Amino acid sequence: MLVRVREEIRLTINAHLEMHRSTLAFGQEKLNIAESSARDMVGVIAELTERKKKLQNRVLELEQKVLAVEEENQTFRIDRDRAHVKKKGKLITQANTLQRFIDQHTEKGEKESKKDSGGDKEKESSDEDEDEEEDTFE
């Protein structure tokens, strides 16, 4: 009976040793995989860090371009508005001049129609008025 107990203990110890060795081998395999993955991840992290820096630089460049385009656009709009105001002023002046011209000729036409119906006396005074009007328009 002692021999059987001794054999049973040996088998149990051997089973435990085998399980221990198997566990150590499994742990070592997982450690190797983890170390390999860690080295790979360090490389990936370095690549991603470099890419991040490049993208940040690109963002800064694009922001500067946006500011330059906005400034150029603002300058363009200011110049366009100034040109518009200047052109509008010229057109207003031109319209006023044309209106005065129309008013003068309208008055001249009214005087001529009165002259035709009024007599020689009015004719002489209207001729003088016409000469004055022509001088002012020229």
N, C-alpha and C. Protein backbone atom coordinates (compact mmCIF):
# COMPACT_ATOMS: atom_id res chain seq x y z
N MET A 1 0.80 -1.17 0.00
CA MET A 1 0.00 0.00 0.00
C MET A 1 0.87 1.27 0.00
N LEU A 2 1.92 1.30 0.68
CA LEU A 2 2.82 2.44 0.65
C LEU A 2 3.41 2.63 -0.75
N VAL A 3 3.64 1.59 -1.40
CA VAL A 3 4.19 1.69 -2.76
C VAL A 3 3.13 2.36 -3.66
N ARG A 4 1.90 1.99 -3.51
CA ARG A 4 0.86 2.61 -4.31
C ARG A 4 0.71 4.09 -3.98
N VAL A 5 0.80 4.43 -2.74
CA VAL A 5 0.68 5.83 -2.33
C VAL A 5 1.87 6.61 -2.89
N ARG A 6 3.08 5.97 -2.79
CA ARG A 6 4.28 6.63 -3.31
C ARG A 6 4.14 6.83 -4.82
N GLU A 7 3.65 5.87 -5.55
CA GLU A 7 3.47 5.99 -7.00
C GLU A 7 2.42 7.05 -7.32
N GLU A 8 1.38 7.07 -6.56
CA GLU A 8 0.33 8.08 -6.76
C GLU A 8 0.90 9.47 -6.54
N ILE A 9 1.72 9.66 -5.52
CA ILE A 9 2.35 10.96 -5.24
C ILE A 9 3.28 11.33 -6.38
N ARG A 10 4.08 10.38 -6.87
CA ARG A 10 5.00 10.65 -7.99
C ARG A 10 4.21 11.07 -9.24
N LEU A 11 3.16 10.37 -9.53
CA LEU A 11 2.34 10.73 -10.70
C LEU A 11 1.73 12.14 -10.54
N THR A 12 1.28 12.44 -9.35
CA THR A 12 0.70 13.76 -9.10
C THR A 12 1.76 14.83 -9.24
N ILE A 13 2.96 14.57 -8.66
CA ILE A 13 4.05 15.55 -8.76
C ILE A 13 4.46 15.72 -10.21
N ASN A 14 4.59 14.65 -10.94
CA ASN A 14 4.95 14.73 -12.37
C ASN A 14 3.88 15.50 -13.17
N ALA A 15 2.65 15.25 -12.86
CA ALA A 15 1.57 15.96 -13.54
C ALA A 15 1.64 17.45 -13.24
N HIS A 16 1.91 17.78 -11.96
CA HIS A 16 2.04 19.19 -11.59
C HIS A 16 3.26 19.81 -12.26
N LEU A 17 4.38 19.11 -12.32
CA LEU A 17 5.58 19.63 -12.99
C LEU A 17 5.32 19.85 -14.48
N GLU A 18 4.66 18.90 -15.09
CA GLU A 18 4.34 19.03 -16.52
C GLU A 18 3.42 20.23 -16.75
N MET A 19 2.43 20.37 -15.88
CA MET A 19 1.54 21.51 -15.99
C MET A 19 2.33 22.82 -15.79
N HIS A 20 3.25 22.84 -14.86
CA HIS A 20 4.07 24.02 -14.59
C HIS A 20 4.92 24.36 -15.81
N ARG A 21 5.57 23.32 -16.40
CA ARG A 21 6.40 23.53 -17.59
C ARG A 21 5.54 24.03 -18.76
N SER A 22 4.38 23.46 -18.91
CA SER A 22 3.49 23.86 -19.98
C SER A 22 3.05 25.31 -19.79
N THR A 23 2.75 25.68 -18.56
CA THR A 23 2.35 27.04 -18.25
C THR A 23 3.49 28.01 -18.50
N LEU A 24 4.72 27.62 -18.11
CA LEU A 24 5.88 28.46 -18.36
C LEU A 24 6.11 28.64 -19.86
N ALA A 25 5.96 27.58 -20.63
CA ALA A 25 6.15 27.67 -22.07
C ALA A 25 5.08 28.59 -22.69
N PHE A 26 3.84 28.43 -22.25
CA PHE A 26 2.76 29.28 -22.76
C PHE A 26 3.02 30.75 -22.42
N GLY A 27 3.45 30.99 -21.17
CA GLY A 27 3.75 32.36 -20.72
C GLY A 27 4.90 32.95 -21.52
N GLN A 28 5.93 32.14 -21.76
CA GLN A 28 7.08 32.62 -22.53
C GLN A 28 6.67 32.96 -23.96
N GLU A 29 5.82 32.12 -24.55
CA GLU A 29 5.33 32.38 -25.91
C GLU A 29 4.54 33.68 -25.96
N LYS A 30 3.66 33.88 -24.99
CA LYS A 30 2.88 35.12 -24.93
C LYS A 30 3.79 36.33 -24.71
N LEU A 31 4.83 36.17 -23.88
CA LEU A 31 5.78 37.26 -23.64
C LEU A 31 6.50 37.64 -24.92
N ASN A 32 6.93 36.65 -25.68
CA ASN A 32 7.61 36.91 -26.95
C ASN A 32 6.70 37.64 -27.93
N ILE A 33 5.45 37.19 -27.99
CA ILE A 33 4.48 37.85 -28.87
C ILE A 33 4.26 39.29 -28.43
N ALA A 34 4.13 39.52 -27.13
CA ALA A 34 3.91 40.86 -26.60
C ALA A 34 5.10 41.77 -26.88
N GLU A 35 6.32 41.24 -26.69
CA GLU A 35 7.52 42.04 -26.96
C GLU A 35 7.61 42.39 -28.44
N SER A 36 7.31 41.42 -29.29
CA SER A 36 7.33 41.68 -30.73
C SER A 36 6.29 42.73 -31.10
N SER A 37 5.10 42.59 -30.55
CA SER A 37 4.04 43.56 -30.81
C SER A 37 4.42 44.94 -30.28
N ALA A 38 5.09 44.97 -29.13
CA ALA A 38 5.50 46.25 -28.55
C ALA A 38 6.52 46.93 -29.47
N ARG A 39 7.47 46.17 -30.02
CA ARG A 39 8.44 46.76 -30.96
C ARG A 39 7.73 47.28 -32.20
N ASP A 40 6.78 46.50 -32.70
CA ASP A 40 6.01 46.95 -33.86
C ASP A 40 5.22 48.22 -33.55
N MET A 41 4.63 48.24 -32.37
CA MET A 41 3.84 49.39 -31.97
C MET A 41 4.71 50.63 -31.81
N VAL A 42 5.93 50.47 -31.32
CA VAL A 42 6.84 51.61 -31.20
C VAL A 42 7.09 52.19 -32.60
N GLY A 43 7.31 51.33 -33.58
CA GLY A 43 7.50 51.79 -34.95
C GLY A 43 6.26 52.49 -35.49
N VAL A 44 5.10 51.90 -35.24
CA VAL A 44 3.84 52.50 -35.70
C VAL A 44 3.62 53.85 -35.03
N ILE A 45 3.91 53.90 -33.73
CA ILE A 45 3.75 55.17 -33.00
C ILE A 45 4.67 56.24 -33.58
N ALA A 46 5.91 55.86 -33.89
CA ALA A 46 6.85 56.81 -34.48
C ALA A 46 6.33 57.30 -35.84
N GLU A 47 5.84 56.38 -36.67
CA GLU A 47 5.30 56.75 -37.98
C GLU A 47 4.09 57.68 -37.83
N LEU A 48 3.20 57.33 -36.91
CA LEU A 48 2.00 58.15 -36.72
C LEU A 48 2.34 59.53 -36.15
N THR A 49 3.34 59.58 -35.27
CA THR A 49 3.78 60.86 -34.73
C THR A 49 4.33 61.75 -35.84
N GLU A 50 5.13 61.16 -36.73
CA GLU A 50 5.68 61.91 -37.87
C GLU A 50 4.55 62.38 -38.79
N ARG A 51 3.60 61.51 -39.05
CA ARG A 51 2.47 61.87 -39.91
C ARG A 51 1.66 63.00 -39.27
N LYS A 52 1.47 62.92 -37.97
CA LYS A 52 0.73 63.95 -37.24
C LYS A 52 1.43 65.30 -37.40
N LYS A 53 2.76 65.32 -37.26
CA LYS A 53 3.51 66.57 -37.41
C LYS A 53 3.34 67.14 -38.81
N LYS A 54 3.42 66.26 -39.83
CA LYS A 54 3.26 66.71 -41.21
C LYS A 54 1.86 67.28 -41.42
N LEU A 55 0.86 66.61 -40.88
CA LEU A 55 -0.52 67.09 -41.04
C LEU A 55 -0.75 68.42 -40.30
N GLN A 56 -0.13 68.57 -39.14
CA GLN A 56 -0.24 69.84 -38.42
C GLN A 56 0.41 70.96 -39.21
N ASN A 57 1.56 70.68 -39.82
CA ASN A 57 2.21 71.68 -40.66
C ASN A 57 1.33 72.04 -41.85
N ARG A 58 0.71 71.03 -42.44
CA ARG A 58 -0.18 71.25 -43.58
C ARG A 58 -1.37 72.11 -43.17
N VAL A 59 -1.91 71.85 -41.97
CA VAL A 59 -3.02 72.64 -41.46
C VAL A 59 -2.59 74.10 -41.31
N LEU A 60 -1.40 74.33 -40.76
CA LEU A 60 -0.91 75.70 -40.60
C LEU A 60 -0.75 76.39 -41.95
N GLU A 61 -0.21 75.67 -42.93
CA GLU A 61 -0.05 76.24 -44.27
C GLU A 61 -1.41 76.61 -44.86
N LEU A 62 -2.37 75.71 -44.72
CA LEU A 62 -3.70 75.97 -45.28
C LEU A 62 -4.39 77.13 -44.56
N GLU A 63 -4.20 77.23 -43.25
CA GLU A 63 -4.78 78.35 -42.51
C GLU A 63 -4.18 79.67 -42.99
N GLN A 64 -2.87 79.68 -43.24
CA GLN A 64 -2.21 80.89 -43.75
C GLN A 64 -2.75 81.23 -45.14
N LYS A 65 -2.95 80.21 -45.97
CA LYS A 65 -3.51 80.46 -47.30
C LYS A 65 -4.91 81.03 -47.20
N VAL A 66 -5.70 80.48 -46.28
CA VAL A 66 -7.07 80.98 -46.09
C VAL A 66 -7.04 82.45 -45.68
N LEU A 67 -6.15 82.79 -44.74
CA LEU A 67 -6.05 84.18 -44.31
C LEU A 67 -5.62 85.09 -45.47
N ALA A 68 -4.67 84.61 -46.28
CA ALA A 68 -4.21 85.40 -47.42
C ALA A 68 -5.34 85.60 -48.43
N VAL A 69 -6.09 84.54 -48.69
CA VAL A 69 -7.20 84.64 -49.65
C VAL A 69 -8.29 85.57 -49.10
N GLU A 70 -8.58 85.47 -47.82
CA GLU A 70 -9.59 86.34 -47.23
C GLU A 70 -9.14 87.80 -47.29
N GLU A 71 -7.86 88.04 -47.01
CA GLU A 71 -7.34 89.41 -47.08
C GLU A 71 -7.40 89.94 -48.51
N GLU A 72 -7.01 89.10 -49.46
CA GLU A 72 -7.07 89.48 -50.88
C GLU A 72 -8.50 89.76 -51.30
N ASN A 73 -9.41 88.91 -50.85
CA ASN A 73 -10.83 89.08 -51.17
C ASN A 73 -11.36 90.38 -50.57
N GLN A 74 -10.96 90.67 -49.34
CA GLN A 74 -11.40 91.89 -48.68
C GLN A 74 -10.87 93.11 -49.45
N THR A 75 -9.61 93.05 -49.86
CA THR A 75 -9.02 94.14 -50.64
C THR A 75 -9.76 94.31 -51.95
N PHE A 76 -10.06 93.19 -52.61
CA PHE A 76 -10.79 93.24 -53.87
C PHE A 76 -12.16 93.89 -53.68
N ARG A 77 -12.87 93.48 -52.61
CA ARG A 77 -14.19 94.04 -52.36
C ARG A 77 -14.12 95.54 -52.08
N ILE A 78 -13.11 95.95 -51.32
CA ILE A 78 -12.96 97.38 -51.02
C ILE A 78 -12.70 98.15 -52.30
N ASP A 79 -11.79 97.65 -53.14
CA ASP A 79 -11.49 98.30 -54.41
C ASP A 79 -12.72 98.35 -55.32
N ARG A 80 -13.45 97.24 -55.36
CA ARG A 80 -14.65 97.18 -56.19
C ARG A 80 -15.69 98.18 -55.69
N ASP A 81 -15.86 98.27 -54.37
CA ASP A 81 -16.83 99.21 -53.81
C ASP A 81 -16.43 100.65 -54.09
N ARG A 82 -15.14 100.94 -53.98
CA ARG A 82 -14.66 102.29 -54.28
C ARG A 82 -14.92 102.63 -55.74
N ALA A 83 -14.61 101.69 -56.63
CA ALA A 83 -14.84 101.92 -58.06
C ALA A 83 -16.33 102.12 -58.33
N HIS A 84 -17.16 101.35 -57.63
CA HIS A 84 -18.61 101.47 -57.79
C HIS A 84 -19.08 102.86 -57.35
N VAL A 85 -18.59 103.32 -56.21
CA VAL A 85 -18.98 104.63 -55.69
C VAL A 85 -18.52 105.72 -56.66
N LYS A 86 -17.29 105.58 -57.16
CA LYS A 86 -16.76 106.56 -58.10
C LYS A 86 -17.59 106.60 -59.39
N LYS A 87 -17.90 105.41 -59.92
CA LYS A 87 -18.69 105.33 -61.14
C LYS A 87 -20.09 105.88 -60.90
N LYS A 88 -20.66 105.58 -59.75
CA LYS A 88 -21.98 106.08 -59.41
C LYS A 88 -21.97 107.60 -59.34
N GLY A 89 -20.91 108.17 -58.75
CA GLY A 89 -20.79 109.63 -58.69
C GLY A 89 -20.71 110.24 -60.07
N LYS A 90 -19.92 109.61 -60.95
CA LYS A 90 -19.83 110.10 -62.33
C LYS A 90 -21.18 110.04 -63.02
N LEU A 91 -21.89 108.94 -62.84
CA LEU A 91 -23.19 108.80 -63.48
C LEU A 91 -24.20 109.80 -62.94
N ILE A 92 -24.13 110.08 -61.65
CA ILE A 92 -25.03 111.07 -61.06
C ILE A 92 -24.72 112.45 -61.65
N THR A 93 -23.42 112.77 -61.73
CA THR A 93 -23.02 114.05 -62.32
C THR A 93 -23.49 114.13 -63.76
N GLN A 94 -23.30 113.07 -64.50
CA GLN A 94 -23.72 113.02 -65.90
C GLN A 94 -25.24 113.18 -66.01
N ALA A 95 -25.97 112.50 -65.14
CA ALA A 95 -27.44 112.60 -65.16
C ALA A 95 -27.87 114.03 -64.84
N ASN A 96 -27.21 114.67 -63.87
CA ASN A 96 -27.56 116.06 -63.53
C ASN A 96 -27.26 116.99 -64.71
N THR A 97 -26.12 116.78 -65.36
CA THR A 97 -25.77 117.60 -66.52
C THR A 97 -26.80 117.42 -67.63
N LEU A 98 -27.16 116.18 -67.89
CA LEU A 98 -28.16 115.92 -68.92
C LEU A 98 -29.51 116.53 -68.56
N GLN A 99 -29.86 116.46 -67.29
CA GLN A 99 -31.13 117.03 -66.86
C GLN A 99 -31.13 118.54 -67.06
N ARG A 100 -30.00 119.20 -66.71
CA ARG A 100 -29.90 120.65 -66.93
C ARG A 100 -30.01 120.96 -68.43
N PHE A 101 -29.37 120.15 -69.25
CA PHE A 101 -29.43 120.33 -70.70
C PHE A 101 -30.86 120.21 -71.19
N ILE A 102 -31.54 119.19 -70.71
CA ILE A 102 -32.95 118.98 -71.10
C ILE A 102 -33.79 120.15 -70.62
N ASP A 103 -33.57 120.58 -69.39
CA ASP A 103 -34.33 121.71 -68.86
C ASP A 103 -34.08 122.98 -69.67
N GLN A 104 -32.85 123.22 -70.06
CA GLN A 104 -32.51 124.41 -70.85
C GLN A 104 -33.21 124.36 -72.21
N HIS A 105 -33.15 123.21 -72.85
CA HIS A 105 -33.78 123.10 -74.16
C HIS A 105 -35.30 123.13 -74.06
N THR A 106 -35.82 122.64 -72.96
CA THR A 106 -37.27 122.70 -72.77
C THR A 106 -37.69 124.16 -72.61
N GLU A 107 -36.93 124.92 -71.81
CA GLU A 107 -37.22 126.34 -71.62
C GLU A 107 -37.06 127.08 -72.95
N LYS A 108 -36.03 126.71 -73.69
CA LYS A 108 -35.77 127.33 -74.98
C LYS A 108 -36.94 127.08 -75.94
N GLY A 109 -37.44 125.86 -75.94
CA GLY A 109 -38.58 125.51 -76.78
C GLY A 109 -39.82 126.27 -76.38
N GLU A 110 -40.02 126.45 -75.08
CA GLU A 110 -41.18 127.21 -74.60
C GLU A 110 -41.06 128.66 -75.02
N LYS A 111 -39.86 129.22 -74.94
CA LYS A 111 -39.66 130.62 -75.33
C LYS A 111 -39.89 130.80 -76.82
N GLU A 112 -39.44 129.82 -77.61
CA GLU A 112 -39.63 129.91 -79.05
C GLU A 112 -41.11 129.85 -79.40
N SER A 113 -41.84 129.00 -78.71
CA SER A 113 -43.27 128.91 -79.00
C SER A 113 -43.98 130.20 -78.60
N LYS A 114 -43.54 130.85 -77.53
CA LYS A 114 -44.11 132.13 -77.13
C LYS A 114 -43.71 133.21 -78.13
N LYS A 115 -42.49 133.09 -78.61
CA LYS A 115 -41.95 134.06 -79.55
C LYS A 115 -42.76 134.03 -80.84
N ASP A 116 -43.06 132.84 -81.30
CA ASP A 116 -43.83 132.71 -82.55
C ASP A 116 -45.22 133.33 -82.39
N SER A 117 -45.78 133.23 -81.25
CA SER A 117 -47.13 133.75 -81.06
C SER A 117 -47.12 135.18 -80.52
N GLY A 118 -45.99 135.63 -79.97
CA GLY A 118 -45.96 136.89 -79.26
C GLY A 118 -45.60 138.10 -80.07
N GLY A 119 -44.70 138.09 -80.95
CA GLY A 119 -44.34 139.26 -81.71
C GLY A 119 -42.85 139.43 -81.82
N ASP A 120 -42.49 140.59 -82.46
CA ASP A 120 -41.09 140.83 -82.75
C ASP A 120 -40.31 141.22 -81.51
N LYS A 121 -40.93 141.87 -80.59
CA LYS A 121 -40.26 142.34 -79.40
C LYS A 121 -39.74 141.16 -78.57
N GLU A 122 -40.56 140.20 -78.41
CA GLU A 122 -40.16 139.01 -77.65
C GLU A 122 -39.11 138.23 -78.41
N LYS A 123 -39.17 138.27 -79.73
CA LYS A 123 -38.22 137.55 -80.56
C LYS A 123 -36.82 138.04 -80.31
N GLU A 124 -36.65 139.35 -80.24
CA GLU A 124 -35.33 139.91 -80.02
C GLU A 124 -34.79 139.54 -78.65
N SER A 125 -35.61 139.58 -77.64
CA SER A 125 -35.15 139.23 -76.29
C SER A 125 -34.85 137.74 -76.16
N SER A 126 -35.62 136.92 -76.88
CA SER A 126 -35.36 135.48 -76.81
C SER A 126 -34.09 135.12 -77.55
N ASP A 127 -33.76 135.87 -78.64
CA ASP A 127 -32.50 135.62 -79.34
C ASP A 127 -31.32 135.88 -78.41
N GLU A 128 -31.44 136.93 -77.63
CA GLU A 128 -30.38 137.23 -76.66
C GLU A 128 -30.30 136.12 -75.61
N ASP A 129 -31.46 135.60 -75.16
CA ASP A 129 -31.48 134.51 -74.17
C ASP A 129 -30.84 133.26 -74.75
N GLU A 130 -31.11 132.99 -76.01
CA GLU A 130 -30.53 131.80 -76.64
C GLU A 130 -29.03 131.91 -76.70
N ASP A 131 -28.53 133.08 -77.02
CA ASP A 131 -27.08 133.27 -77.08
C ASP A 131 -26.46 133.02 -75.70
N GLU A 132 -27.11 133.49 -74.67
CA GLU A 132 -26.63 133.29 -73.30
C GLU A 132 -26.66 131.81 -72.93
N GLU A 133 -27.73 131.11 -73.28
CA GLU A 133 -27.85 129.69 -72.97
C GLU A 133 -26.80 128.87 -73.68
N GLU A 134 -26.56 129.19 -74.93
CA GLU A 134 -25.53 128.46 -75.70
C GLU A 134 -24.18 128.68 -75.08
N ASP A 135 -23.90 129.88 -74.60
CA ASP A 135 -22.62 130.17 -73.98
C ASP A 135 -22.45 129.37 -72.69
N THR A 136 -23.51 129.26 -71.90
CA THR A 136 -23.40 128.54 -70.62
C THR A 136 -23.27 127.04 -70.83
N PHE A 137 -23.88 126.50 -71.86
CA PHE A 137 -23.80 125.05 -72.07
C PHE A 137 -22.46 124.62 -72.60
N GLU A 138 -21.88 125.43 -73.44
CA GLU A 138 -20.59 125.08 -74.03
C GLU A 138 -19.57 125.09 -72.96
